[in-house]
Amino acid sequence: LGQLLGDKLVDQGIQADVILPIPAPPLRRLLRAGNMTEVLAEGVSQRLKLRRLTGALCFVRSIRKQSNLKPAQRRRNVRNSMTVSRTHDFSGARVLVIDDVLTTGATADEAARALLAA
């Protein structure tokens, strides 16, 4: 699926310098064997021949499961929940953020906020 997403991004003419998967929240990371977002990002990374940075974006606190929440609750749930690792500098970089599900965009918005703040 990541390779197919990569093909679509090529068709769309996407230009990026680095791929950044949305991390799994801490509790979910412990409960699951893998992170589907990282699997998708790996396929896209291979197709676009771009570096994939896992761990550059991280949660600073626990969040509730988004699928059970209404849109306004989702935004509140993820507000100020992510940060960018101090070891990464994205100044001037075109960052392609990958997530496995996009419903309201609350998680994507939070990731963008954290990246812009960094």
N, C-alpha and C. Protein backbone atom coordinates (compact mmCIF):
# COMPACT_ATOMS: atom_id res chain seq x y z
N LEU A 1 0.83 -1.19 0.00
CA LEU A 1 0.00 0.00 0.00
C LEU A 1 0.87 1.26 0.00
N GLY A 2 1.99 1.20 0.73
CA GLY A 2 2.91 2.34 0.75
C GLY A 2 3.49 2.62 -0.63
N GLN A 3 3.81 1.57 -1.37
CA GLN A 3 4.33 1.74 -2.72
C GLN A 3 3.27 2.38 -3.63
N LEU A 4 2.00 1.94 -3.49
CA LEU A 4 0.92 2.52 -4.28
C LEU A 4 0.71 3.99 -3.94
N LEU A 5 0.76 4.32 -2.65
CA LEU A 5 0.67 5.71 -2.23
C LEU A 5 1.82 6.51 -2.83
N GLY A 6 3.01 5.92 -2.81
CA GLY A 6 4.17 6.57 -3.42
C GLY A 6 3.95 6.83 -4.90
N ASP A 7 3.36 5.86 -5.61
CA ASP A 7 3.07 6.05 -7.04
C ASP A 7 2.13 7.23 -7.25
N LYS A 8 1.08 7.32 -6.41
CA LYS A 8 0.14 8.44 -6.52
C LYS A 8 0.81 9.78 -6.26
N LEU A 9 1.71 9.80 -5.28
CA LEU A 9 2.43 11.04 -4.97
C LEU A 9 3.34 11.45 -6.11
N VAL A 10 3.96 10.48 -6.77
CA VAL A 10 4.78 10.77 -7.95
C VAL A 10 3.89 11.35 -9.04
N ASP A 11 2.73 10.72 -9.28
CA ASP A 11 1.79 11.21 -10.30
C ASP A 11 1.34 12.64 -10.01
N GLN A 12 1.21 12.98 -8.73
CA GLN A 12 0.77 14.32 -8.32
C GLN A 12 1.91 15.34 -8.35
N GLY A 13 3.13 14.87 -8.57
CA GLY A 13 4.28 15.76 -8.62
C GLY A 13 4.73 16.27 -7.25
N ILE A 14 4.45 15.49 -6.21
CA ILE A 14 4.82 15.90 -4.85
C ILE A 14 6.33 16.11 -4.77
N GLN A 15 6.73 17.15 -4.09
CA GLN A 15 8.15 17.42 -3.88
C GLN A 15 8.39 17.50 -2.38
N ALA A 16 9.28 16.67 -1.90
CA ALA A 16 9.59 16.65 -0.47
C ALA A 16 11.07 16.36 -0.29
N ASP A 17 11.58 16.71 0.87
CA ASP A 17 12.98 16.44 1.21
C ASP A 17 13.11 15.26 2.16
N VAL A 18 12.06 15.01 2.94
CA VAL A 18 12.10 13.97 3.95
C VAL A 18 10.68 13.49 4.24
N ILE A 19 10.57 12.24 4.66
CA ILE A 19 9.28 11.67 5.03
C ILE A 19 9.25 11.46 6.54
N LEU A 20 8.15 11.90 7.13
CA LEU A 20 8.02 11.83 8.58
C LEU A 20 6.71 11.13 8.93
N PRO A 21 6.78 9.89 9.45
CA PRO A 21 5.54 9.22 9.85
C PRO A 21 5.03 9.75 11.19
N ILE A 22 3.71 9.84 11.31
CA ILE A 22 3.10 10.18 12.59
C ILE A 22 3.42 9.03 13.55
N PRO A 23 3.93 9.32 14.74
CA PRO A 23 4.25 8.23 15.67
C PRO A 23 2.99 7.63 16.29
N ALA A 24 3.13 6.43 16.79
CA ALA A 24 2.04 5.83 17.57
C ALA A 24 2.12 6.43 18.97
N PRO A 25 0.97 6.75 19.56
CA PRO A 25 1.00 7.22 20.95
C PRO A 25 1.65 6.17 21.86
N PRO A 26 2.27 6.58 22.96
CA PRO A 26 3.06 5.66 23.80
C PRO A 26 2.33 4.37 24.20
N LEU A 27 1.11 4.48 24.68
CA LEU A 27 0.40 3.28 25.13
C LEU A 27 0.11 2.35 23.96
N ARG A 28 -0.32 2.91 22.85
CA ARG A 28 -0.63 2.10 21.67
C ARG A 28 0.62 1.41 21.15
N ARG A 29 1.75 2.08 21.25
CA ARG A 29 3.02 1.48 20.80
C ARG A 29 3.34 0.24 21.62
N LEU A 30 3.02 0.28 22.90
CA LEU A 30 3.26 -0.88 23.77
C LEU A 30 2.31 -2.03 23.47
N LEU A 31 1.07 -1.71 23.12
CA LEU A 31 0.04 -2.72 22.92
C LEU A 31 0.07 -3.38 21.54
N ARG A 32 0.62 -2.72 20.57
CA ARG A 32 0.65 -3.24 19.20
C ARG A 32 2.05 -3.70 18.82
N ALA A 33 2.09 -4.67 17.92
CA ALA A 33 3.37 -5.19 17.46
C ALA A 33 4.06 -4.23 16.50
N GLY A 34 3.31 -3.41 15.81
CA GLY A 34 3.92 -2.51 14.84
C GLY A 34 3.12 -1.23 14.70
N ASN A 35 3.64 -0.33 13.89
CA ASN A 35 2.99 0.94 13.63
C ASN A 35 2.71 1.00 12.12
N MET A 36 1.43 0.92 11.76
CA MET A 36 1.06 0.90 10.35
C MET A 36 1.50 2.16 9.61
N THR A 37 1.54 3.26 10.32
CA THR A 37 2.00 4.50 9.69
C THR A 37 3.46 4.37 9.26
N GLU A 38 4.29 3.75 10.08
CA GLU A 38 5.69 3.56 9.72
C GLU A 38 5.83 2.60 8.54
N VAL A 39 4.97 1.59 8.47
CA VAL A 39 4.98 0.65 7.35
C VAL A 39 4.62 1.39 6.06
N LEU A 40 3.57 2.21 6.10
CA LEU A 40 3.20 3.02 4.93
C LEU A 40 4.34 3.95 4.52
N ALA A 41 4.91 4.63 5.51
CA ALA A 41 5.99 5.58 5.23
C ALA A 41 7.20 4.89 4.63
N GLU A 42 7.47 3.67 5.04
CA GLU A 42 8.60 2.92 4.46
C GLU A 42 8.37 2.66 2.98
N GLY A 43 7.15 2.25 2.62
CA GLY A 43 6.84 2.02 1.21
C GLY A 43 6.94 3.29 0.38
N VAL A 44 6.43 4.39 0.92
CA VAL A 44 6.52 5.68 0.22
C VAL A 44 7.98 6.09 0.09
N SER A 45 8.74 5.91 1.16
CA SER A 45 10.15 6.26 1.16
C SER A 45 10.91 5.50 0.07
N GLN A 46 10.65 4.22 -0.04
CA GLN A 46 11.30 3.41 -1.08
C GLN A 46 10.92 3.90 -2.47
N ARG A 47 9.63 4.18 -2.67
CA ARG A 47 9.16 4.60 -4.00
C ARG A 47 9.71 5.97 -4.37
N LEU A 48 9.74 6.91 -3.42
CA LEU A 48 10.20 8.27 -3.71
C LEU A 48 11.70 8.45 -3.53
N LYS A 49 12.34 7.40 -2.99
CA LYS A 49 13.79 7.45 -2.72
C LYS A 49 14.14 8.63 -1.82
N LEU A 50 13.36 8.76 -0.74
CA LEU A 50 13.57 9.82 0.24
C LEU A 50 13.85 9.20 1.60
N ARG A 51 14.56 9.93 2.41
CA ARG A 51 14.87 9.48 3.77
C ARG A 51 13.60 9.55 4.63
N ARG A 52 13.40 8.51 5.40
CA ARG A 52 12.27 8.43 6.34
C ARG A 52 12.83 8.58 7.74
N LEU A 53 12.29 9.54 8.48
CA LEU A 53 12.77 9.78 9.84
C LEU A 53 11.72 9.33 10.85
N THR A 54 11.98 8.23 11.52
CA THR A 54 11.10 7.83 12.61
C THR A 54 11.71 8.36 13.90
N GLY A 55 10.87 8.77 14.79
CA GLY A 55 11.35 9.29 16.06
C GLY A 55 11.61 10.79 16.06
N ALA A 56 11.51 11.43 14.91
CA ALA A 56 11.72 12.88 14.86
C ALA A 56 10.52 13.63 15.44
N LEU A 57 9.36 13.07 15.22
CA LEU A 57 8.13 13.62 15.78
C LEU A 57 7.71 12.67 16.89
N CYS A 58 7.41 13.21 18.06
CA CYS A 58 7.07 12.32 19.18
C CYS A 58 5.98 12.94 20.05
N PHE A 59 5.25 12.04 20.71
CA PHE A 59 4.23 12.47 21.65
C PHE A 59 4.88 12.84 22.97
N VAL A 60 4.41 13.92 23.57
CA VAL A 60 4.93 14.36 24.87
C VAL A 60 3.97 14.02 26.00
N ARG A 61 2.80 13.52 25.63
CA ARG A 61 1.83 13.08 26.62
C ARG A 61 0.90 12.06 25.97
N SER A 62 0.19 11.32 26.80
CA SER A 62 -0.76 10.33 26.31
C SER A 62 -1.99 11.03 25.74
N ILE A 63 -2.59 10.37 24.75
CA ILE A 63 -3.84 10.86 24.20
C ILE A 63 -4.85 9.72 24.20
N ARG A 64 -6.13 10.08 24.15
CA ARG A 64 -7.18 9.07 24.05
C ARG A 64 -7.28 8.59 22.61
N LYS A 65 -7.88 7.44 22.42
CA LYS A 65 -8.11 6.91 21.09
C LYS A 65 -9.03 7.86 20.31
N GLN A 66 -8.59 8.30 19.15
CA GLN A 66 -9.31 9.30 18.38
C GLN A 66 -10.62 8.79 17.79
N SER A 67 -10.69 7.51 17.41
CA SER A 67 -11.85 7.00 16.68
C SER A 67 -13.14 7.07 17.50
N ASN A 68 -13.04 7.16 18.80
CA ASN A 68 -14.23 7.22 19.65
C ASN A 68 -14.67 8.65 19.96
N LEU A 69 -13.98 9.63 19.39
CA LEU A 69 -14.24 11.03 19.75
C LEU A 69 -14.90 11.80 18.61
N LYS A 70 -15.66 12.83 18.98
CA LYS A 70 -16.25 13.74 18.01
C LYS A 70 -15.17 14.70 17.53
N PRO A 71 -15.39 15.38 16.39
CA PRO A 71 -14.34 16.26 15.84
C PRO A 71 -13.74 17.26 16.83
N ALA A 72 -14.55 17.98 17.56
CA ALA A 72 -14.02 18.97 18.52
C ALA A 72 -13.22 18.27 19.62
N GLN A 73 -13.67 17.11 20.03
CA GLN A 73 -12.95 16.34 21.06
C GLN A 73 -11.60 15.86 20.51
N ARG A 74 -11.57 15.49 19.26
CA ARG A 74 -10.31 15.03 18.64
C ARG A 74 -9.28 16.16 18.65
N ARG A 75 -9.72 17.35 18.29
CA ARG A 75 -8.79 18.49 18.28
C ARG A 75 -8.25 18.77 19.68
N ARG A 76 -9.13 18.77 20.68
CA ARG A 76 -8.69 18.98 22.06
C ARG A 76 -7.77 17.84 22.53
N ASN A 77 -8.08 16.64 22.13
CA ASN A 77 -7.33 15.47 22.56
C ASN A 77 -5.86 15.54 22.12
N VAL A 78 -5.61 16.00 20.91
CA VAL A 78 -4.23 16.02 20.40
C VAL A 78 -3.53 17.37 20.57
N ARG A 79 -4.27 18.39 21.01
CA ARG A 79 -3.68 19.73 21.16
C ARG A 79 -2.45 19.68 22.07
N ASN A 80 -1.34 20.20 21.58
CA ASN A 80 -0.06 20.26 22.32
C ASN A 80 0.43 18.88 22.78
N SER A 81 0.14 17.85 22.00
CA SER A 81 0.55 16.50 22.37
C SER A 81 1.83 16.04 21.68
N MET A 82 2.32 16.78 20.68
CA MET A 82 3.51 16.37 19.93
C MET A 82 4.59 17.43 19.96
N THR A 83 5.79 16.95 19.77
CA THR A 83 6.93 17.84 19.64
C THR A 83 7.90 17.23 18.64
N VAL A 84 8.87 18.02 18.22
CA VAL A 84 9.91 17.54 17.32
C VAL A 84 11.18 17.34 18.13
N SER A 85 11.81 16.21 17.94
CA SER A 85 13.06 15.91 18.64
C SER A 85 14.08 17.01 18.39
N ARG A 86 14.80 17.37 19.43
CA ARG A 86 15.80 18.45 19.30
C ARG A 86 16.97 18.06 18.40
N THR A 87 17.09 16.78 18.07
CA THR A 87 18.19 16.33 17.22
C THR A 87 17.91 16.54 15.74
N HIS A 88 16.71 17.01 15.41
CA HIS A 88 16.35 17.22 14.02
C HIS A 88 16.04 18.69 13.75
N ASP A 89 16.55 19.17 12.63
CA ASP A 89 16.28 20.55 12.21
C ASP A 89 15.59 20.49 10.85
N PHE A 90 14.37 20.95 10.80
CA PHE A 90 13.60 20.92 9.56
C PHE A 90 13.50 22.30 8.92
N SER A 91 14.35 23.24 9.33
CA SER A 91 14.30 24.59 8.78
C SER A 91 14.43 24.55 7.26
N GLY A 92 13.44 25.09 6.59
CA GLY A 92 13.46 25.15 5.13
C GLY A 92 13.17 23.83 4.43
N ALA A 93 12.95 22.78 5.16
CA ALA A 93 12.72 21.46 4.56
C ALA A 93 11.27 21.30 4.14
N ARG A 94 11.06 20.57 3.07
CA ARG A 94 9.72 20.17 2.65
C ARG A 94 9.48 18.80 3.25
N VAL A 95 8.61 18.75 4.24
CA VAL A 95 8.38 17.53 5.02
C VAL A 95 7.06 16.89 4.57
N LEU A 96 7.13 15.64 4.18
CA LEU A 96 5.94 14.87 3.83
C LEU A 96 5.55 14.05 5.06
N VAL A 97 4.42 14.42 5.66
CA VAL A 97 3.93 13.75 6.86
C VAL A 97 2.98 12.65 6.43
N ILE A 98 3.21 11.44 6.94
CA ILE A 98 2.38 10.28 6.60
C ILE A 98 1.65 9.79 7.84
N ASP A 99 0.35 9.56 7.69
CA ASP A 99 -0.45 8.95 8.73
C ASP A 99 -1.29 7.86 8.08
N ASP A 100 -1.77 6.90 8.87
CA ASP A 100 -2.52 5.81 8.29
C ASP A 100 -4.00 6.12 8.09
N VAL A 101 -4.54 7.05 8.86
CA VAL A 101 -5.96 7.41 8.75
C VAL A 101 -6.07 8.93 8.85
N LEU A 102 -6.88 9.51 7.98
CA LEU A 102 -7.18 10.95 8.08
C LEU A 102 -8.69 11.09 8.12
N THR A 103 -9.19 11.55 9.24
CA THR A 103 -10.64 11.72 9.39
C THR A 103 -10.92 13.21 9.50
N THR A 104 -10.62 13.81 10.63
CA THR A 104 -10.86 15.25 10.81
C THR A 104 -9.62 16.07 10.50
N GLY A 105 -8.46 15.44 10.47
CA GLY A 105 -7.22 16.17 10.26
C GLY A 105 -6.61 16.70 11.54
N ALA A 106 -7.18 16.37 12.68
CA ALA A 106 -6.68 16.90 13.96
C ALA A 106 -5.25 16.46 14.23
N THR A 107 -4.92 15.21 13.98
CA THR A 107 -3.56 14.73 14.22
C THR A 107 -2.59 15.38 13.25
N ALA A 108 -2.99 15.48 11.99
CA ALA A 108 -2.13 16.12 10.99
C ALA A 108 -1.90 17.59 11.34
N ASP A 109 -2.94 18.27 11.81
CA ASP A 109 -2.80 19.67 12.21
C ASP A 109 -1.82 19.80 13.38
N GLU A 110 -1.91 18.89 14.34
CA GLU A 110 -1.01 18.94 15.49
C GLU A 110 0.42 18.67 15.06
N ALA A 111 0.63 17.73 14.14
CA ALA A 111 1.97 17.45 13.63
C ALA A 111 2.53 18.69 12.93
N ALA A 112 1.70 19.34 12.13
CA ALA A 112 2.14 20.57 11.44
C ALA A 112 2.49 21.66 12.44
N ARG A 113 1.67 21.81 13.50
CA ARG A 113 1.95 22.82 14.52
C ARG A 113 3.30 22.57 15.16
N ALA A 114 3.56 21.30 15.51
CA ALA A 114 4.83 20.95 16.15
C ALA A 114 6.01 21.22 15.22
N LEU A 115 5.85 20.87 13.95
CA LEU A 115 6.93 21.10 12.98
C LEU A 115 7.18 22.60 12.77
N LEU A 116 6.12 23.38 12.64
CA LEU A 116 6.30 24.82 12.46
C LEU A 116 6.90 25.48 13.69
N ALA A 117 6.52 25.01 14.87
CA ALA A 117 7.08 25.55 16.11
C ALA A 117 8.57 25.25 16.23
N ALA A 118 8.98 24.10 15.70
CA ALA A 118 10.39 23.71 15.78
C ALA A 118 11.21 24.50 14.78
